[in-house]
Protein backbone atom coordinates (compact mmCIF):
# COMPACT_ATOMS: atom_id res chain seq x y z
CA MET A 1 53.82 93.28 -129.55
CA LYS A 2 51.20 90.66 -130.70
CA SER A 3 50.99 90.02 -134.35
CA ILE A 4 47.51 91.14 -135.89
CA ASN A 5 46.06 88.02 -137.70
CA VAL A 6 44.57 89.03 -140.83
CA GLY A 7 42.04 87.38 -143.43
CA VAL A 8 41.58 88.66 -147.08
CA ILE A 9 38.09 88.12 -148.43
CA GLY A 10 38.05 87.94 -152.25
CA THR A 11 41.19 87.15 -154.23
CA GLY A 12 40.60 88.90 -157.49
CA SER A 13 43.13 91.36 -158.98
CA ILE A 14 43.12 94.16 -156.35
CA SER A 15 43.52 91.61 -153.56
CA ALA A 16 47.13 91.27 -154.57
CA MET A 17 47.92 94.77 -153.47
CA HIS A 18 46.63 93.79 -149.99
CA LEU A 19 48.02 90.34 -149.77
CA GLN A 20 51.60 91.57 -150.64
CA SER A 21 51.31 94.55 -148.34
CA TYR A 22 50.38 92.28 -145.34
CA GLU A 23 53.13 89.80 -146.29
CA LYS A 24 55.67 92.70 -145.99
CA HIS A 25 54.36 93.94 -142.72
CA ALA A 26 56.54 92.94 -139.72
CA ASN A 27 53.54 92.92 -137.46
CA ALA A 28 50.80 91.49 -139.67
CA ASN A 29 50.28 87.74 -139.97
CA LEU A 30 48.21 86.74 -143.17
CA LEU A 31 46.38 83.81 -141.65
CA ALA A 32 43.59 83.22 -144.10
CA VAL A 33 42.09 83.87 -147.52
CA CYS A 34 38.54 83.57 -148.83
CA ASP A 35 37.08 83.19 -152.37
CA LEU A 36 34.05 81.65 -153.87
CA ASN A 37 36.46 80.03 -156.37
CA GLU A 38 38.45 77.75 -154.11
CA GLU A 39 41.17 76.94 -156.70
CA ARG A 40 41.93 80.91 -156.80
CA ALA A 41 41.84 81.17 -153.10
CA GLN A 42 44.29 78.05 -152.68
CA ARG A 43 46.55 79.73 -155.19
CA ALA A 44 46.60 83.05 -153.31
CA ALA A 45 47.15 81.39 -150.01
CA GLU A 46 50.22 79.25 -151.37
CA LYS A 47 51.67 82.47 -152.93
CA TYR A 48 51.42 84.54 -149.79
CA GLY A 49 51.83 82.04 -147.17
CA ALA A 50 48.28 81.97 -145.70
CA THR A 51 47.64 78.76 -143.84
CA LYS A 52 43.78 78.67 -144.09
CA VAL A 53 41.42 78.83 -147.11
CA TYR A 54 37.86 79.46 -146.95
CA THR A 55 35.13 79.69 -149.61
CA ASP A 56 32.41 81.11 -147.25
CA TYR A 57 33.35 84.43 -145.65
CA ASN A 58 30.96 83.61 -142.67
CA GLU A 59 33.40 80.53 -141.85
CA LEU A 60 36.28 82.95 -141.92
CA LEU A 61 34.48 85.52 -139.82
CA ALA A 62 33.69 82.86 -137.26
CA ASP A 63 37.42 82.00 -136.92
CA PRO A 64 38.42 83.34 -133.30
CA GLU A 65 42.12 83.62 -134.44
CA ILE A 66 41.48 86.26 -137.02
CA ASP A 67 41.62 89.85 -135.77
CA ALA A 68 41.00 92.02 -138.99
CA VAL A 69 39.99 91.41 -142.49
CA SER A 70 40.42 93.01 -145.84
CA ILE A 71 37.36 92.98 -148.06
CA CYS A 72 38.27 92.86 -151.76
CA THR A 73 34.97 91.81 -153.19
CA TRP A 74 32.34 92.98 -155.64
CA ASN A 75 30.93 96.37 -154.63
CA ASN A 76 27.39 94.91 -153.94
CA THR A 77 28.75 92.67 -151.03
CA HIS A 78 30.96 95.49 -149.20
CA ALA A 79 28.25 96.58 -147.00
CA GLU A 80 27.03 93.02 -146.20
CA ILE A 81 30.50 91.56 -145.37
CA SER A 82 31.74 94.79 -143.56
CA ILE A 83 28.72 94.61 -141.40
CA ALA A 84 28.99 90.97 -140.64
CA ALA A 85 32.72 91.29 -140.01
CA LEU A 86 32.32 94.15 -137.43
CA ASN A 87 29.42 92.27 -135.74
CA ALA A 88 31.92 89.29 -135.46
CA GLY A 89 34.33 91.55 -133.87
CA LYS A 90 36.82 92.04 -136.55
CA HIS A 91 38.43 95.25 -137.82
CA VAL A 92 37.85 96.07 -141.30
CA LEU A 93 39.67 97.40 -144.22
CA VAL A 94 37.20 97.51 -147.31
CA GLU A 95 38.03 98.55 -150.79
CA LYS A 96 36.50 101.47 -152.23
CA PRO A 97 33.84 102.48 -152.73
CA LEU A 98 32.33 101.64 -149.19
CA CYS A 99 29.12 100.30 -150.73
CA ARG A 100 26.67 101.18 -153.50
CA THR A 101 24.08 103.42 -151.80
CA VAL A 102 23.85 105.93 -148.92
CA GLU A 103 21.40 103.75 -147.04
CA GLU A 104 24.11 100.84 -147.14
CA ALA A 105 26.76 103.45 -146.02
CA LEU A 106 24.64 104.51 -143.03
CA GLN A 107 24.10 100.87 -141.98
CA VAL A 108 27.92 100.23 -142.02
CA GLN A 109 28.41 103.31 -140.08
CA GLU A 110 26.00 102.09 -137.47
CA ALA A 111 27.71 98.78 -137.26
CA VAL A 112 31.02 100.44 -136.59
CA LYS A 113 29.39 102.56 -133.96
CA SER A 114 27.66 99.59 -132.22
CA SER A 115 30.66 97.16 -132.59
CA GLY A 116 33.32 99.45 -131.29
CA LYS A 117 35.57 98.09 -134.03
CA LEU A 118 37.66 100.09 -136.50
CA LEU A 119 36.72 100.38 -140.20
CA GLN A 120 39.10 102.06 -142.90
CA VAL A 121 37.74 102.74 -146.30
CA GLY A 122 40.25 101.89 -148.98
CA PHE A 123 40.79 105.49 -150.47
CA VAL A 124 44.23 104.48 -151.32
CA ARG A 125 45.25 107.76 -153.04
CA ARG A 126 45.29 109.45 -149.71
CA TYR A 127 47.93 107.13 -148.60
CA ASP A 128 50.29 107.85 -151.45
CA PRO A 129 53.60 109.49 -150.07
CA ASN A 130 53.07 112.51 -152.36
CA ALA A 131 49.67 112.99 -151.19
CA GLN A 132 50.71 112.98 -147.68
CA MET A 133 53.54 115.54 -148.38
CA LEU A 134 51.16 117.89 -150.04
CA ARG A 135 48.41 117.54 -147.30
CA GLU A 136 51.15 118.55 -144.80
CA PHE A 137 51.93 121.52 -147.08
CA ALA A 138 48.28 122.41 -147.13
CA ASP A 139 47.98 121.98 -143.39
CA LYS A 140 50.72 124.41 -142.64
CA GLY A 141 48.97 127.12 -144.88
CA GLU A 142 51.22 126.85 -148.02
CA PHE A 143 48.16 127.16 -150.39
CA GLY A 144 45.87 129.02 -148.26
CA ASP A 145 42.16 128.72 -148.89
CA ILE A 146 41.76 125.95 -151.45
CA TYR A 147 38.63 127.02 -153.28
CA PHE A 148 38.61 125.14 -156.54
CA ALA A 149 39.77 121.54 -157.81
CA LYS A 150 39.53 119.98 -161.11
CA ALA A 151 40.24 116.25 -161.82
CA SER A 152 39.99 114.17 -164.74
CA SER A 153 40.25 110.18 -165.24
CA VAL A 154 39.57 109.50 -168.86
CA ARG A 155 40.16 106.19 -170.45
CA ARG A 156 39.51 106.13 -174.17
CA LEU A 157 39.18 102.36 -174.24
CA GLY A 158 39.03 100.87 -170.72
CA ASN A 159 35.85 99.23 -169.81
CA PRO A 160 37.09 96.16 -167.94
CA GLY A 161 33.90 94.24 -168.59
CA GLY A 162 32.73 91.60 -166.08
CA TRP A 163 31.41 92.68 -162.81
CA PHE A 164 32.82 96.02 -163.45
CA SER A 165 30.23 96.73 -166.31
CA ASP A 166 27.34 94.96 -164.39
CA ILE A 167 25.47 97.64 -162.53
CA GLU A 168 23.91 95.29 -160.08
CA ARG A 169 27.22 94.16 -158.76
CA SER A 170 29.25 97.47 -159.23
CA GLY A 171 26.52 99.87 -158.58
CA GLY A 172 27.85 102.12 -161.49
CA GLY A 173 30.70 102.40 -164.13
CA PRO A 174 33.63 104.80 -164.28
CA LEU A 175 32.30 107.28 -161.59
CA ILE A 176 31.94 104.62 -158.92
CA ASP A 177 35.06 102.62 -159.97
CA ILE A 178 37.77 105.35 -160.85
CA GLY A 179 36.08 108.62 -160.26
CA VAL A 180 35.75 107.88 -156.59
CA HIS A 181 39.59 108.01 -156.26
CA VAL A 182 39.97 111.49 -157.61
CA ILE A 183 36.77 112.85 -156.01
CA ASP A 184 37.89 111.43 -152.71
CA LEU A 185 41.52 112.74 -153.24
CA CYS A 186 40.29 116.33 -154.00
CA TRP A 187 37.87 116.33 -151.16
CA TYR A 188 40.52 115.17 -148.82
CA MET A 189 43.05 117.88 -150.02
CA MET A 190 40.51 120.39 -149.83
CA GLY A 191 40.13 119.80 -146.16
CA ARG A 192 36.75 117.64 -146.45
CA PRO A 193 34.39 120.57 -146.78
CA LYS A 194 30.78 119.69 -146.48
CA PRO A 195 29.07 118.89 -149.92
CA VAL A 196 25.84 120.72 -150.39
CA SER A 197 24.98 120.18 -154.06
CA VAL A 198 25.88 118.37 -157.23
CA SER A 199 25.02 119.07 -160.89
CA ALA A 200 25.96 116.31 -163.17
CA ASN A 201 25.62 114.21 -166.43
CA THR A 202 26.16 110.70 -167.33
CA TYR A 203 26.36 109.27 -170.91
CA ARG A 204 25.64 105.82 -172.58
CA LYS A 205 26.73 106.47 -176.05
CA LEU A 206 29.45 104.13 -177.03
CA GLY A 207 29.11 100.81 -174.95
CA ASN A 208 31.99 98.71 -174.17
CA ARG A 209 33.57 99.20 -177.87
CA SER A 210 34.70 95.49 -177.87
CA ASN A 211 34.74 95.83 -181.66
CA VAL A 212 38.00 97.78 -181.40
CA ARG A 213 41.02 96.05 -182.69
CA ASN A 214 44.72 96.62 -182.38
CA LEU A 215 44.57 98.09 -179.10
CA SER A 216 44.61 96.14 -175.72
CA PHE A 217 43.16 97.05 -172.55
CA TYR A 218 42.64 95.56 -168.98
CA LYS A 219 39.78 92.94 -168.87
CA ALA A 220 38.10 91.52 -165.83
CA ALA A 221 38.52 87.88 -164.86
CA ASP A 222 34.86 87.35 -165.83
CA TYR A 223 35.06 89.68 -168.98
CA ASP A 224 31.92 89.19 -171.31
CA ALA A 225 31.53 91.66 -174.14
CA GLU A 226 27.74 90.92 -174.20
CA LYS A 227 27.22 92.45 -170.79
CA ASN A 228 27.28 96.27 -170.15
CA THR A 229 24.72 98.12 -168.09
CA VAL A 230 26.98 101.04 -166.70
CA GLU A 231 27.76 104.56 -168.07
CA ASP A 232 30.47 105.43 -170.51
CA MET A 233 31.22 108.72 -168.78
CA ALA A 234 30.17 111.09 -166.16
CA ASN A 235 31.02 114.65 -165.34
CA ALA A 236 29.88 116.83 -162.39
CA MET A 237 30.21 119.99 -160.61
CA ILE A 238 30.28 119.60 -156.66
CA ARG A 239 29.77 122.69 -154.65
CA PHE A 240 30.66 122.69 -150.89
CA GLU A 241 29.38 124.67 -147.87
CA ASN A 242 32.36 126.75 -147.67
CA GLY A 243 31.90 127.99 -151.29
CA ALA A 244 34.63 125.79 -152.81
CA SER A 245 33.76 123.60 -155.86
CA LEU A 246 35.17 120.56 -157.61
CA LEU A 247 34.77 119.96 -161.33
CA VAL A 248 35.48 116.21 -162.38
CA ASP A 249 35.06 114.15 -165.43
CA VAL A 250 35.67 110.39 -165.89
CA SER A 251 35.23 107.69 -168.45
CA PHE A 252 35.71 104.02 -169.32
CA THR A 253 35.36 104.92 -172.90
CA LEU A 254 35.30 108.18 -174.85
CA HIS A 255 36.68 109.41 -178.37
CA SER A 256 39.69 110.94 -176.78
CA LYS A 257 43.24 111.08 -178.52
CA GLU A 258 44.61 109.46 -175.33
CA ASN A 259 44.02 108.52 -171.86
CA LEU A 260 44.07 111.40 -169.41
CA GLN A 261 44.86 111.46 -165.53
CA SER A 262 44.77 114.89 -164.15
CA VAL A 263 44.38 116.36 -160.55
CA LYS A 264 44.75 120.00 -159.88
CA LEU A 265 43.95 122.32 -156.86
CA TYR A 266 44.01 125.95 -156.55
CA GLY A 267 44.08 128.20 -153.42
CA ASP A 268 44.46 131.74 -152.75
CA LYS A 269 48.11 131.48 -151.73
CA GLY A 270 49.25 128.81 -154.20
CA GLY A 271 48.09 125.76 -156.11
CA PHE A 272 49.39 122.10 -156.83
CA GLU A 273 49.01 119.42 -159.15
CA ILE A 274 48.91 115.83 -158.05
CA ASP A 275 48.44 113.99 -161.45
CA PRO A 276 50.20 113.35 -163.80
CA GLU A 277 53.04 114.66 -161.76
CA VAL A 278 53.63 116.88 -158.52
CA VAL A 279 54.04 120.41 -159.18
CA ILE A 280 53.43 123.29 -156.81
CA VAL A 281 52.59 126.82 -158.06
CA THR A 282 53.24 129.79 -155.83
CA GLU A 283 54.31 133.45 -155.86
CA LYS A 284 57.77 134.86 -154.46
CA HIS A 285 58.74 138.57 -154.76
CA ASP A 286 56.01 139.26 -157.14
CA THR A 287 56.94 136.41 -159.37
CA ILE A 288 55.21 133.17 -160.32
CA ILE A 289 57.13 130.03 -159.60
CA ASN A 290 56.57 126.47 -160.45
CA ILE A 291 58.27 124.06 -158.00
CA GLN A 292 58.84 120.36 -158.55
CA PRO A 293 59.41 118.68 -155.34
CA GLN A 294 62.36 116.16 -155.36
CA THR A 295 60.60 112.92 -154.20
CA ASP A 296 61.03 109.15 -154.92
CA ASN A 297 58.27 109.32 -157.54
CA LYS A 298 57.07 112.11 -159.66
CA GLY A 299 53.44 110.74 -159.72
CA PHE A 300 51.18 108.20 -157.88
CA ASP A 301 53.15 105.29 -156.50
CA PHE A 302 50.63 102.44 -156.74
CA ASN A 303 52.71 99.99 -154.51
CA ALA A 304 53.92 102.55 -151.99
CA ALA A 305 50.33 103.76 -151.57
CA PHE A 306 48.90 100.22 -150.99
CA GLN A 307 51.59 99.48 -148.35
CA SER A 308 51.11 102.73 -146.55
CA GLU A 309 47.36 102.14 -146.61
CA VAL A 310 47.86 98.54 -144.90
CA ASP A 311 50.53 99.84 -142.63
CA HIS A 312 48.18 102.53 -141.34
CA PHE A 313 45.34 100.02 -140.86
CA ILE A 314 47.62 97.83 -138.69
CA SER A 315 48.86 100.76 -136.74
CA SER A 316 45.37 101.99 -136.17
CA ILE A 317 44.51 98.72 -134.80
CA GLU A 318 47.38 98.51 -132.42
CA ASN A 319 47.08 101.97 -131.19
CA GLY A 320 43.40 102.24 -131.05
CA THR A 321 43.28 105.40 -133.19
CA ALA A 322 41.00 106.42 -135.85
CA PRO A 323 42.11 105.86 -139.44
CA LEU A 324 42.84 108.43 -141.81
CA SER A 325 39.92 107.29 -144.09
CA PRO A 326 37.00 106.41 -141.48
CA VAL A 327 33.66 105.12 -142.16
CA GLU A 328 32.28 108.92 -141.96
CA ASP A 329 34.31 109.71 -145.00
CA GLY A 330 32.90 106.73 -146.82
CA VAL A 331 29.39 107.97 -146.08
CA GLU A 332 30.09 111.46 -147.42
CA ILE A 333 31.55 110.23 -150.51
CA MET A 334 28.62 107.80 -151.17
CA LYS A 335 26.35 111.02 -150.73
CA ILE A 336 28.31 112.60 -153.54
CA LEU A 337 28.44 109.65 -155.91
CA CYS A 338 24.73 108.94 -155.50
CA GLY A 339 23.90 112.63 -155.83
CA ILE A 340 25.94 112.56 -159.23
CA TYR A 341 23.82 109.69 -160.46
CA GLU A 342 20.62 111.35 -159.20
CA SER A 343 21.28 114.67 -160.71
CA ALA A 344 22.35 112.85 -164.13
CA GLU A 345 19.08 110.83 -164.15
CA LYS A 346 16.70 113.77 -163.21
CA GLY A 347 18.68 116.54 -165.31
CA VAL A 348 18.67 118.95 -162.49
CA GLU A 349 21.08 120.11 -159.60
CA VAL A 350 20.55 118.01 -156.44
CA LEU A 351 20.95 119.01 -152.85
CA LEU A 352 22.77 116.69 -150.67
């Protein structure tokens, strides 16, 4: 079978997960990398064996040898580059979020339709082996009707600064950066019910807390403590057409004793936790039982999930099949995210 020639656009921190996953895939050929910073692009090319280096993504997209691209750039460029790539006849794996607005999302969706090419949204949590195991359990009725989910992704000191804290480039703060992961994961596990309304709050109380000493945290390559125009935290109640609901809270910074990562879902036949560790709760013979599946990892396996995501992307291209996280799901998640920001700004529940 012919190898799929791939180009990676953007060589910031998250690109390493794409680059190493393509490198390990037997039928993917990492042909090119692109970054505005030529030196950084050259380093990535040398490390992962790409033979072509670009500083203009349009030049990469014009390369007839390239079949598909991963887009690992700032959020404000996702829609623009995705549309250009699709129109150039390339398949696309675009990092989450799909874009910054519903309008952009619909434009990308139209480009997918008109080009006939595949676009996979990088909802990497779906591809984790534990998530796939639990989704199979759900499909087989193990949990019954999943009617409530609750997710937290709380950092007490974790504003990365740089483009992450610049709303023009990011589109938002912790909600659109880390909240998108747990919102999509819960929605996917619930069977992707149609969202109908959100009631939400966002807060800008603490800033980036760059004054804090003696505790380190991840900083973006372009970290600048003077620049911060995103929310500190957000919380929301999302209601779905089938009566199910999702309660979520996320933060970059919060006066919390510790960081908190928690994802829990509840059905009428059983429930389960995904974060911090997988646990299944059910009843047998009128007795409540907690079950801990024996898997390679108790919680989220970052490397395995990204490898699975890239493997699925290549397989979808080869087989001409729809991806597990298609553009339509990216549109629905953007409706939820934008609805949360709108609800918080207006102080009312918003219908989607």
